[in-house]
Amino acid sequence: MILKMINKKAISPVITTVLLIMISIAAVAIVASVVFPLFNPDEGECFKAVGQIDIDTSSKYTCYYIIDPTAAAGDEYAVVNVSIKRGAEPLGIEQFIIMVYGEGRNERFEIKKEIRTDTKILMYGAATLAEAQDIKIPERREMMTYSLTTTLGEVTSMEISPVIKGNIFCNAADRQVIEMC
């Protein structure tokens, strides 16, 4: 038995070295795939932005009302007033996405700095139509109220998601149940 083992050849040092290198590369790849997402600056900015945006349901302006279909031509629809609060962090928030839910459907509204030509999104309480069309987003420590005209006959809830520099869409920052005015 001992003679049989003496005649056996060992694994070549070259093969051993190649196998060790391949195992090391695989280990580094696995660790990198877990660690690098933790240090992604975009993820960090989204995390901060999500913590700085709120739908203010304590505001008397955050509510919705139904427009009577007999008063206007067409089907019943709702106008949603929503107050958005922003925290103190200096973040590169370029816009908000507001999703309004009701009747088993949803509608999406993009709130960004611009002059609007349609009237589905207006600044709440503007004195003139020209002022209502100039959409602003809240700066640090500021609150803005918007009027959103939906095709929904009833509204149940809404959520808001920030969009940060580089057109990066973040997860929903807040979701609230909306009551009638």
N, C-alpha and C. Protein backbone atom coordinates (compact mmCIF):
# COMPACT_ATOMS: atom_id res chain seq x y z
N MET A 1 0.81 -1.18 0.00
CA MET A 1 0.00 0.00 0.00
C MET A 1 0.87 1.26 0.00
N ILE A 2 1.91 1.25 0.76
CA ILE A 2 2.80 2.40 0.83
C ILE A 2 3.49 2.60 -0.51
N LEU A 3 3.82 1.54 -1.19
CA LEU A 3 4.47 1.66 -2.50
C LEU A 3 3.54 2.30 -3.52
N LYS A 4 2.26 1.99 -3.44
CA LYS A 4 1.31 2.59 -4.38
C LYS A 4 1.23 4.10 -4.19
N MET A 5 1.27 4.57 -2.95
CA MET A 5 1.18 6.00 -2.68
C MET A 5 2.46 6.73 -3.09
N ILE A 6 3.56 6.09 -3.04
CA ILE A 6 4.82 6.72 -3.42
C ILE A 6 4.83 7.00 -4.91
N ASN A 7 4.25 6.14 -5.70
CA ASN A 7 4.23 6.34 -7.15
C ASN A 7 3.21 7.37 -7.61
N LYS A 8 2.26 7.82 -6.76
CA LYS A 8 1.25 8.82 -7.12
C LYS A 8 1.90 10.20 -7.23
N LYS A 9 1.49 10.95 -8.22
CA LYS A 9 2.03 12.30 -8.39
C LYS A 9 1.09 13.30 -7.72
N ALA A 10 1.64 14.36 -7.15
CA ALA A 10 0.86 15.41 -6.50
C ALA A 10 0.34 16.38 -7.56
N ILE A 11 -0.55 17.27 -7.14
CA ILE A 11 -1.08 18.30 -8.04
C ILE A 11 0.06 19.26 -8.35
N SER A 12 0.15 19.63 -9.58
CA SER A 12 1.20 20.53 -10.04
C SER A 12 1.10 21.87 -9.32
N PRO A 13 2.21 22.52 -8.99
CA PRO A 13 2.18 23.84 -8.35
C PRO A 13 1.53 24.89 -9.24
N VAL A 14 1.60 24.73 -10.54
CA VAL A 14 0.98 25.69 -11.46
C VAL A 14 -0.54 25.59 -11.34
N ILE A 15 -1.08 24.38 -11.31
CA ILE A 15 -2.52 24.19 -11.18
C ILE A 15 -2.99 24.71 -9.82
N THR A 16 -2.24 24.47 -8.79
CA THR A 16 -2.59 24.96 -7.45
C THR A 16 -2.66 26.48 -7.44
N THR A 17 -1.69 27.13 -8.06
CA THR A 17 -1.65 28.58 -8.11
C THR A 17 -2.85 29.13 -8.89
N VAL A 18 -3.18 28.54 -10.03
CA VAL A 18 -4.32 28.98 -10.84
C VAL A 18 -5.62 28.82 -10.06
N LEU A 19 -5.80 27.69 -9.37
CA LEU A 19 -7.00 27.47 -8.58
C LEU A 19 -7.13 28.49 -7.46
N LEU A 20 -6.03 28.79 -6.76
CA LEU A 20 -6.06 29.78 -5.69
C LEU A 20 -6.41 31.17 -6.22
N ILE A 21 -5.88 31.53 -7.38
CA ILE A 21 -6.20 32.83 -7.99
C ILE A 21 -7.67 32.89 -8.35
N MET A 22 -8.22 31.82 -8.94
CA MET A 22 -9.64 31.81 -9.33
C MET A 22 -10.55 31.91 -8.10
N ILE A 23 -10.21 31.22 -7.03
CA ILE A 23 -11.00 31.28 -5.80
C ILE A 23 -10.94 32.69 -5.22
N SER A 24 -9.77 33.31 -5.25
CA SER A 24 -9.62 34.68 -4.74
C SER A 24 -10.45 35.67 -5.54
N ILE A 25 -10.43 35.56 -6.86
CA ILE A 25 -11.22 36.46 -7.72
C ILE A 25 -12.71 36.29 -7.44
N ALA A 26 -13.16 35.05 -7.31
CA ALA A 26 -14.57 34.80 -7.02
C ALA A 26 -14.97 35.40 -5.66
N ALA A 27 -14.11 35.26 -4.67
CA ALA A 27 -14.40 35.80 -3.34
C ALA A 27 -14.47 37.32 -3.38
N VAL A 28 -13.55 37.96 -4.09
CA VAL A 28 -13.57 39.42 -4.21
C VAL A 28 -14.84 39.88 -4.93
N ALA A 29 -15.25 39.19 -5.98
CA ALA A 29 -16.46 39.55 -6.72
C ALA A 29 -17.70 39.45 -5.83
N ILE A 30 -17.78 38.41 -5.03
CA ILE A 30 -18.94 38.24 -4.15
C ILE A 30 -18.97 39.34 -3.10
N VAL A 31 -17.84 39.62 -2.47
CA VAL A 31 -17.79 40.68 -1.45
C VAL A 31 -18.10 42.04 -2.08
N ALA A 32 -17.58 42.33 -3.26
CA ALA A 32 -17.82 43.62 -3.93
C ALA A 32 -19.29 43.79 -4.27
N SER A 33 -19.95 42.72 -4.70
CA SER A 33 -21.37 42.84 -5.05
C SER A 33 -22.23 43.14 -3.84
N VAL A 34 -21.77 42.80 -2.65
CA VAL A 34 -22.50 43.10 -1.43
C VAL A 34 -22.12 44.47 -0.88
N VAL A 35 -20.86 44.83 -0.92
CA VAL A 35 -20.37 46.05 -0.28
C VAL A 35 -20.61 47.30 -1.13
N PHE A 36 -20.39 47.27 -2.44
CA PHE A 36 -20.49 48.48 -3.27
C PHE A 36 -21.86 49.13 -3.24
N PRO A 37 -22.96 48.40 -3.27
CA PRO A 37 -24.26 49.09 -3.18
C PRO A 37 -24.44 49.88 -1.90
N LEU A 38 -23.76 49.52 -0.84
CA LEU A 38 -23.87 50.26 0.41
C LEU A 38 -23.25 51.65 0.30
N PHE A 39 -22.29 51.82 -0.60
CA PHE A 39 -21.60 53.09 -0.74
C PHE A 39 -22.00 53.86 -1.99
N ASN A 40 -23.09 53.47 -2.63
CA ASN A 40 -23.57 54.16 -3.82
C ASN A 40 -24.10 55.53 -3.42
N PRO A 41 -23.52 56.62 -3.92
CA PRO A 41 -23.95 57.95 -3.50
C PRO A 41 -25.39 58.26 -3.86
N ASP A 42 -25.89 57.72 -4.97
CA ASP A 42 -27.28 57.96 -5.36
C ASP A 42 -28.23 57.35 -4.35
N GLU A 43 -27.94 56.16 -3.88
CA GLU A 43 -28.78 55.51 -2.88
C GLU A 43 -28.79 56.34 -1.60
N GLY A 44 -27.65 56.88 -1.22
CA GLY A 44 -27.58 57.71 -0.02
C GLY A 44 -28.39 58.98 -0.16
N GLU A 45 -28.32 59.62 -1.32
CA GLU A 45 -29.10 60.83 -1.57
C GLU A 45 -30.59 60.52 -1.55
N CYS A 46 -30.99 59.40 -2.14
CA CYS A 46 -32.41 59.01 -2.11
C CYS A 46 -32.85 58.77 -0.68
N PHE A 47 -32.02 58.09 0.09
CA PHE A 47 -32.36 57.81 1.48
C PHE A 47 -32.58 59.11 2.24
N LYS A 48 -31.71 60.09 2.03
CA LYS A 48 -31.86 61.39 2.69
C LYS A 48 -33.11 62.12 2.20
N ALA A 49 -33.33 62.11 0.88
CA ALA A 49 -34.48 62.82 0.31
C ALA A 49 -35.79 62.25 0.80
N VAL A 50 -35.88 60.92 0.88
CA VAL A 50 -37.11 60.27 1.34
C VAL A 50 -37.43 60.69 2.78
N GLY A 51 -36.42 60.88 3.59
CA GLY A 51 -36.63 61.30 4.97
C GLY A 51 -36.96 62.77 5.14
N GLN A 52 -36.88 63.55 4.07
CA GLN A 52 -37.08 64.99 4.16
C GLN A 52 -38.39 65.48 3.54
N ILE A 53 -39.20 64.58 3.00
CA ILE A 53 -40.43 64.96 2.30
C ILE A 53 -41.63 64.36 3.01
N ASP A 54 -42.66 65.19 3.26
CA ASP A 54 -43.88 64.72 3.92
C ASP A 54 -45.12 65.34 3.28
N ILE A 55 -46.19 64.55 3.27
CA ILE A 55 -47.52 65.08 2.95
C ILE A 55 -48.09 65.55 4.27
N ASP A 56 -48.41 66.82 4.38
CA ASP A 56 -48.86 67.40 5.64
C ASP A 56 -50.38 67.24 5.77
N THR A 57 -50.80 66.16 6.43
CA THR A 57 -52.24 65.93 6.62
C THR A 57 -52.80 66.77 7.77
N SER A 58 -51.94 67.39 8.56
CA SER A 58 -52.43 68.27 9.62
C SER A 58 -52.86 69.62 9.05
N SER A 59 -52.43 69.91 7.83
CA SER A 59 -52.82 71.16 7.18
C SER A 59 -54.29 71.07 6.78
N LYS A 60 -55.02 72.17 6.99
CA LYS A 60 -56.44 72.19 6.60
C LYS A 60 -56.60 72.16 5.08
N TYR A 61 -55.51 72.35 4.36
CA TYR A 61 -55.58 72.39 2.90
C TYR A 61 -55.42 71.01 2.25
N THR A 62 -54.91 70.03 2.97
CA THR A 62 -54.71 68.70 2.40
C THR A 62 -56.02 67.93 2.50
N CYS A 63 -56.76 67.92 1.39
CA CYS A 63 -58.05 67.24 1.32
C CYS A 63 -58.48 67.22 -0.15
N TYR A 64 -59.61 66.61 -0.42
CA TYR A 64 -60.11 66.62 -1.80
C TYR A 64 -61.60 66.93 -1.80
N TYR A 65 -62.08 67.39 -2.95
CA TYR A 65 -63.52 67.61 -3.11
C TYR A 65 -63.92 67.15 -4.50
N ILE A 66 -65.18 66.78 -4.62
CA ILE A 66 -65.74 66.27 -5.87
C ILE A 66 -66.39 67.42 -6.62
N ILE A 67 -66.11 67.49 -7.91
CA ILE A 67 -66.77 68.47 -8.77
C ILE A 67 -68.04 67.82 -9.31
N ASP A 68 -69.16 68.47 -9.12
CA ASP A 68 -70.46 67.93 -9.53
C ASP A 68 -70.51 67.82 -11.06
N PRO A 69 -70.83 66.64 -11.57
CA PRO A 69 -70.86 66.48 -13.04
C PRO A 69 -71.97 67.29 -13.69
N THR A 70 -73.00 67.66 -12.95
CA THR A 70 -74.06 68.47 -13.56
C THR A 70 -73.62 69.91 -13.75
N ALA A 71 -72.63 70.34 -12.94
CA ALA A 71 -72.14 71.72 -13.05
C ALA A 71 -71.17 71.87 -14.21
N ALA A 72 -70.51 70.79 -14.58
CA ALA A 72 -69.55 70.84 -15.68
C ALA A 72 -69.86 69.71 -16.65
N ALA A 73 -69.52 69.92 -17.88
CA ALA A 73 -69.76 68.89 -18.88
C ALA A 73 -68.83 67.71 -18.64
N GLY A 74 -69.35 66.49 -18.70
CA GLY A 74 -68.50 65.31 -18.55
C GLY A 74 -68.77 64.57 -17.25
N ASP A 75 -67.88 63.67 -16.94
CA ASP A 75 -68.02 62.82 -15.76
C ASP A 75 -67.56 63.54 -14.51
N GLU A 76 -67.89 62.93 -13.37
CA GLU A 76 -67.48 63.43 -12.07
C GLU A 76 -65.95 63.34 -11.95
N TYR A 77 -65.35 64.32 -11.31
CA TYR A 77 -63.91 64.28 -11.07
C TYR A 77 -63.61 64.96 -9.75
N ALA A 78 -62.39 64.75 -9.26
CA ALA A 78 -62.00 65.30 -7.96
C ALA A 78 -60.84 66.27 -8.12
N VAL A 79 -60.82 67.24 -7.23
CA VAL A 79 -59.68 68.14 -7.11
C VAL A 79 -59.04 67.84 -5.75
N VAL A 80 -57.75 67.52 -5.79
CA VAL A 80 -57.01 67.17 -4.58
C VAL A 80 -56.07 68.32 -4.25
N ASN A 81 -56.22 68.84 -3.04
CA ASN A 81 -55.29 69.84 -2.54
C ASN A 81 -54.32 69.11 -1.62
N VAL A 82 -53.04 69.32 -1.83
CA VAL A 82 -52.04 68.62 -1.02
C VAL A 82 -50.93 69.58 -0.62
N SER A 83 -50.62 69.58 0.68
CA SER A 83 -49.53 70.40 1.20
C SER A 83 -48.31 69.50 1.39
N ILE A 84 -47.19 69.91 0.81
CA ILE A 84 -45.94 69.15 0.87
C ILE A 84 -44.95 69.93 1.73
N LYS A 85 -44.42 69.26 2.77
CA LYS A 85 -43.40 69.86 3.64
C LYS A 85 -42.04 69.29 3.28
N ARG A 86 -41.06 70.15 3.35
CA ARG A 86 -39.68 69.72 3.10
C ARG A 86 -38.83 70.02 4.32
N GLY A 87 -37.93 69.11 4.66
CA GLY A 87 -37.05 69.26 5.81
C GLY A 87 -35.93 70.24 5.57
N ALA A 88 -34.96 70.26 6.49
CA ALA A 88 -33.89 71.24 6.48
C ALA A 88 -32.65 70.81 5.69
N GLU A 89 -32.56 69.55 5.30
CA GLU A 89 -31.37 69.06 4.58
C GLU A 89 -31.22 69.75 3.22
N PRO A 90 -30.01 70.17 2.86
CA PRO A 90 -29.79 70.74 1.52
C PRO A 90 -29.62 69.60 0.50
N LEU A 91 -30.67 69.27 -0.19
CA LEU A 91 -30.66 68.16 -1.14
C LEU A 91 -30.94 68.65 -2.55
N GLY A 92 -30.51 67.88 -3.51
CA GLY A 92 -30.74 68.22 -4.91
C GLY A 92 -32.04 67.62 -5.43
N ILE A 93 -33.15 68.01 -4.86
CA ILE A 93 -34.45 67.51 -5.31
C ILE A 93 -34.90 68.34 -6.50
N GLU A 94 -35.10 67.67 -7.63
CA GLU A 94 -35.49 68.37 -8.85
C GLU A 94 -37.00 68.38 -9.07
N GLN A 95 -37.68 67.35 -8.59
CA GLN A 95 -39.12 67.28 -8.77
C GLN A 95 -39.71 66.24 -7.81
N PHE A 96 -41.04 66.20 -7.77
CA PHE A 96 -41.77 65.20 -6.99
C PHE A 96 -42.72 64.47 -7.93
N ILE A 97 -42.95 63.22 -7.61
CA ILE A 97 -43.99 62.45 -8.29
C ILE A 97 -45.07 62.20 -7.24
N ILE A 98 -46.28 62.67 -7.52
CA ILE A 98 -47.40 62.43 -6.62
C ILE A 98 -48.34 61.45 -7.30
N MET A 99 -48.62 60.35 -6.62
CA MET A 99 -49.57 59.35 -7.09
C MET A 99 -50.85 59.50 -6.26
N VAL A 100 -51.98 59.67 -6.96
CA VAL A 100 -53.28 59.79 -6.30
C VAL A 100 -54.04 58.50 -6.60
N TYR A 101 -54.56 57.87 -5.53
CA TYR A 101 -55.24 56.57 -5.66
C TYR A 101 -56.72 56.70 -5.32
N GLY A 102 -57.53 55.96 -6.05
CA GLY A 102 -58.96 55.91 -5.77
C GLY A 102 -59.67 55.10 -6.85
N GLU A 103 -60.80 54.51 -6.49
CA GLU A 103 -61.61 53.73 -7.43
C GLU A 103 -60.83 52.60 -8.09
N GLY A 104 -59.85 52.04 -7.41
CA GLY A 104 -59.05 50.96 -7.98
C GLY A 104 -58.10 51.42 -9.07
N ARG A 105 -57.92 52.72 -9.22
CA ARG A 105 -57.01 53.28 -10.22
C ARG A 105 -56.07 54.27 -9.54
N ASN A 106 -55.15 54.81 -10.34
CA ASN A 106 -54.29 55.87 -9.82
C ASN A 106 -53.98 56.85 -10.93
N GLU A 107 -53.57 58.03 -10.53
CA GLU A 107 -53.11 59.05 -11.47
C GLU A 107 -51.79 59.60 -10.97
N ARG A 108 -50.92 59.89 -11.92
CA ARG A 108 -49.58 60.36 -11.62
C ARG A 108 -49.46 61.84 -12.00
N PHE A 109 -48.87 62.61 -11.08
CA PHE A 109 -48.63 64.04 -11.31
C PHE A 109 -47.15 64.32 -11.06
N GLU A 110 -46.52 65.02 -11.98
CA GLU A 110 -45.11 65.41 -11.84
C GLU A 110 -45.07 66.88 -11.46
N ILE A 111 -44.54 67.14 -10.27
CA ILE A 111 -44.41 68.51 -9.77
C ILE A 111 -42.96 68.92 -9.97
N LYS A 112 -42.73 69.87 -10.86
CA LYS A 112 -41.38 70.37 -11.09
C LYS A 112 -41.45 71.85 -11.42
N LYS A 113 -40.30 72.51 -11.26
CA LYS A 113 -40.25 73.94 -11.54
C LYS A 113 -40.46 74.17 -13.03
N GLU A 114 -41.55 74.83 -13.34
CA GLU A 114 -41.81 75.17 -14.73
C GLU A 114 -43.06 76.04 -14.81
N ILE A 115 -43.28 76.56 -15.99
CA ILE A 115 -44.52 77.29 -16.24
C ILE A 115 -45.44 76.33 -16.97
N ARG A 116 -46.58 76.05 -16.38
CA ARG A 116 -47.50 75.05 -16.91
C ARG A 116 -48.45 75.69 -17.92
N THR A 117 -48.81 74.93 -18.91
CA THR A 117 -49.80 75.40 -19.87
C THR A 117 -51.14 74.71 -19.67
N ASP A 118 -51.13 73.58 -18.93
CA ASP A 118 -52.41 72.93 -18.62
C ASP A 118 -52.81 73.29 -17.19
N THR A 119 -54.01 72.93 -16.81
CA THR A 119 -54.49 73.31 -15.49
C THR A 119 -54.74 72.09 -14.60
N LYS A 120 -54.08 70.96 -14.88
CA LYS A 120 -54.23 69.78 -14.01
C LYS A 120 -53.43 69.94 -12.73
N ILE A 121 -52.36 70.73 -12.77
CA ILE A 121 -51.55 71.01 -11.58
C ILE A 121 -51.45 72.53 -11.44
N LEU A 122 -51.90 73.05 -10.31
CA LEU A 122 -51.84 74.48 -10.05
C LEU A 122 -51.31 74.71 -8.64
N MET A 123 -50.69 75.85 -8.43
CA MET A 123 -50.30 76.24 -7.07
C MET A 123 -51.58 76.68 -6.36
N TYR A 124 -51.79 76.23 -5.15
CA TYR A 124 -53.00 76.55 -4.40
C TYR A 124 -52.97 78.01 -3.98
N GLY A 125 -54.10 78.68 -4.10
CA GLY A 125 -54.24 80.05 -3.60
C GLY A 125 -53.62 81.12 -4.45
N ALA A 126 -53.30 80.82 -5.71
CA ALA A 126 -52.73 81.85 -6.57
C ALA A 126 -53.80 82.89 -6.89
N ALA A 127 -53.40 84.15 -6.91
CA ALA A 127 -54.35 85.23 -7.13
C ALA A 127 -54.79 85.32 -8.59
N THR A 128 -53.89 84.97 -9.51
CA THR A 128 -54.23 85.03 -10.93
C THR A 128 -53.87 83.69 -11.58
N LEU A 129 -54.43 83.44 -12.76
CA LEU A 129 -54.13 82.22 -13.48
C LEU A 129 -52.65 82.17 -13.86
N ALA A 130 -52.05 83.32 -14.16
CA ALA A 130 -50.63 83.35 -14.50
C ALA A 130 -49.78 82.88 -13.31
N GLU A 131 -50.14 83.30 -12.11
CA GLU A 131 -49.42 82.85 -10.92
C GLU A 131 -49.64 81.36 -10.68
N ALA A 132 -50.83 80.89 -10.95
CA ALA A 132 -51.17 79.49 -10.72
C ALA A 132 -50.38 78.58 -11.65
N GLN A 133 -49.99 79.10 -12.81
CA GLN A 133 -49.26 78.27 -13.77
C GLN A 133 -47.77 78.17 -13.45
N ASP A 134 -47.24 79.08 -12.65
CA ASP A 134 -45.83 79.06 -12.30
C ASP A 134 -45.61 78.08 -11.14
N ILE A 135 -45.26 76.84 -11.47
CA ILE A 135 -45.13 75.78 -10.46
C ILE A 135 -43.77 75.89 -9.77
N LYS A 136 -43.80 75.76 -8.45
CA LYS A 136 -42.58 75.79 -7.64
C LYS A 136 -42.54 74.52 -6.81
N ILE A 137 -41.33 74.10 -6.42
CA ILE A 137 -41.22 73.01 -5.45
C ILE A 137 -40.67 73.61 -4.16
N PRO A 138 -41.03 73.03 -3.02
CA PRO A 138 -40.58 73.61 -1.76
C PRO A 138 -39.06 73.59 -1.60
N GLU A 139 -38.55 74.68 -1.11
CA GLU A 139 -37.13 74.76 -0.77
C GLU A 139 -36.98 74.23 0.65
N ARG A 140 -35.77 74.28 1.19
CA ARG A 140 -35.53 73.81 2.56
C ARG A 140 -36.44 74.52 3.55
N ARG A 141 -37.00 73.73 4.47
CA ARG A 141 -37.88 74.24 5.55
C ARG A 141 -39.09 74.99 5.01
N GLU A 142 -39.63 74.57 3.90
CA GLU A 142 -40.73 75.27 3.28
C GLU A 142 -41.88 74.30 3.02
N MET A 143 -43.09 74.84 2.93
CA MET A 143 -44.25 74.03 2.58
C MET A 143 -44.98 74.70 1.42
N MET A 144 -45.40 73.89 0.46
CA MET A 144 -46.17 74.38 -0.68
C MET A 144 -47.44 73.55 -0.79
N THR A 145 -48.50 74.17 -1.28
CA THR A 145 -49.75 73.47 -1.49
C THR A 145 -50.11 73.53 -2.97
N TYR A 146 -50.53 72.38 -3.48
CA TYR A 146 -50.87 72.23 -4.90
C TYR A 146 -52.32 71.78 -5.03
N SER A 147 -52.95 72.15 -6.13
CA SER A 147 -54.28 71.65 -6.48
C SER A 147 -54.12 70.76 -7.71
N LEU A 148 -54.50 69.50 -7.55
CA LEU A 148 -54.37 68.51 -8.62
C LEU A 148 -55.76 68.10 -9.09
N THR A 149 -56.04 68.24 -10.37
CA THR A 149 -57.33 67.85 -10.91
C THR A 149 -57.22 66.44 -11.46
N THR A 150 -58.00 65.52 -10.88
CA THR A 150 -57.95 64.11 -11.27
C THR A 150 -59.20 63.72 -12.04
N THR A 151 -59.15 62.59 -12.69
CA THR A 151 -60.34 62.04 -13.34
C THR A 151 -61.03 61.04 -12.41
N LEU A 152 -60.54 60.95 -11.18
CA LEU A 152 -61.12 60.03 -10.21
C LEU A 152 -62.36 60.66 -9.59
N GLY A 153 -63.39 59.86 -9.40
CA GLY A 153 -64.60 60.35 -8.75
C GLY A 153 -64.49 60.30 -7.24
N GLU A 154 -63.55 59.51 -6.74
CA GLU A 154 -63.31 59.41 -5.30
C GLU A 154 -61.82 59.18 -5.09
N VAL A 155 -61.26 59.79 -4.06
CA VAL A 155 -59.84 59.67 -3.76
C VAL A 155 -59.71 58.97 -2.40
N THR A 156 -58.81 58.00 -2.31
CA THR A 156 -58.60 57.31 -1.05
C THR A 156 -57.26 57.69 -0.41
N SER A 157 -56.20 57.76 -1.20
CA SER A 157 -54.89 58.06 -0.63
C SER A 157 -53.98 58.65 -1.70
N MET A 158 -52.82 59.07 -1.25
CA MET A 158 -51.80 59.58 -2.18
C MET A 158 -50.44 59.30 -1.60
N GLU A 159 -49.43 59.28 -2.49
CA GLU A 159 -48.05 59.12 -2.05
C GLU A 159 -47.16 60.07 -2.84
N ILE A 160 -46.03 60.39 -2.25
CA ILE A 160 -45.10 61.32 -2.90
C ILE A 160 -43.72 60.67 -2.93
N SER A 161 -43.04 60.83 -4.07
CA SER A 161 -41.69 60.31 -4.26
C SER A 161 -40.82 61.44 -4.80
N PRO A 162 -39.64 61.65 -4.21
CA PRO A 162 -38.74 62.67 -4.73
C PRO A 162 -37.95 62.16 -5.93
N VAL A 163 -37.56 63.07 -6.79
CA VAL A 163 -36.64 62.79 -7.90
C VAL A 163 -35.44 63.70 -7.68
N ILE A 164 -34.25 63.10 -7.54
CA ILE A 164 -33.06 63.88 -7.22
C ILE A 164 -32.24 64.15 -8.49
N LYS A 165 -31.20 64.94 -8.34
CA LYS A 165 -30.34 65.31 -9.47
C LYS A 165 -29.92 64.08 -10.25
N GLY A 166 -29.88 64.23 -11.56
CA GLY A 166 -29.54 63.13 -12.44
C GLY A 166 -30.77 62.33 -12.85
N ASN A 167 -31.96 62.89 -12.54
CA ASN A 167 -33.23 62.25 -12.88
C ASN A 167 -33.35 60.86 -12.24
N ILE A 168 -32.94 60.76 -10.98
CA ILE A 168 -32.99 59.50 -10.24
C ILE A 168 -34.27 59.47 -9.41
N PHE A 169 -35.15 58.51 -9.72
CA PHE A 169 -36.41 58.37 -9.03
C PHE A 169 -36.19 57.58 -7.74
N CYS A 170 -36.63 58.13 -6.63
CA CYS A 170 -36.48 57.48 -5.33
C CYS A 170 -37.79 56.78 -4.94
N ASN A 171 -37.71 55.95 -3.92
CA ASN A 171 -38.91 55.29 -3.39
C ASN A 171 -39.85 56.31 -2.79
N ALA A 172 -41.08 55.88 -2.53
CA ALA A 172 -42.08 56.77 -1.94
C ALA A 172 -41.60 57.27 -0.58
N ALA A 173 -41.70 58.57 -0.38
CA ALA A 173 -41.29 59.19 0.88
C ALA A 173 -42.42 59.15 1.90
N ASP A 174 -43.65 59.27 1.42
CA ASP A 174 -44.78 59.32 2.34
C ASP A 174 -46.03 58.88 1.60
N ARG A 175 -46.91 58.20 2.32
CA ARG A 175 -48.22 57.82 1.78
C ARG A 175 -49.25 58.10 2.85
N GLN A 176 -50.30 58.82 2.47
CA GLN A 176 -51.32 59.24 3.44
C GLN A 176 -52.72 59.00 2.88
N VAL A 177 -53.65 58.75 3.79
CA VAL A 177 -55.07 58.68 3.45
C VAL A 177 -55.56 60.13 3.36
N ILE A 178 -56.35 60.42 2.35
CA ILE A 178 -56.84 61.78 2.12
C ILE A 178 -58.34 61.80 2.38
N GLU A 179 -58.77 62.78 3.17
CA GLU A 179 -60.18 62.95 3.53
C GLU A 179 -60.83 64.01 2.63
N MET A 180 -62.15 63.98 2.58
CA MET A 180 -62.88 65.01 1.84
C MET A 180 -62.81 66.33 2.63
N CYS A 181 -62.84 67.44 1.91
CA CYS A 181 -62.82 68.76 2.54
C CYS A 181 -64.13 69.04 3.23
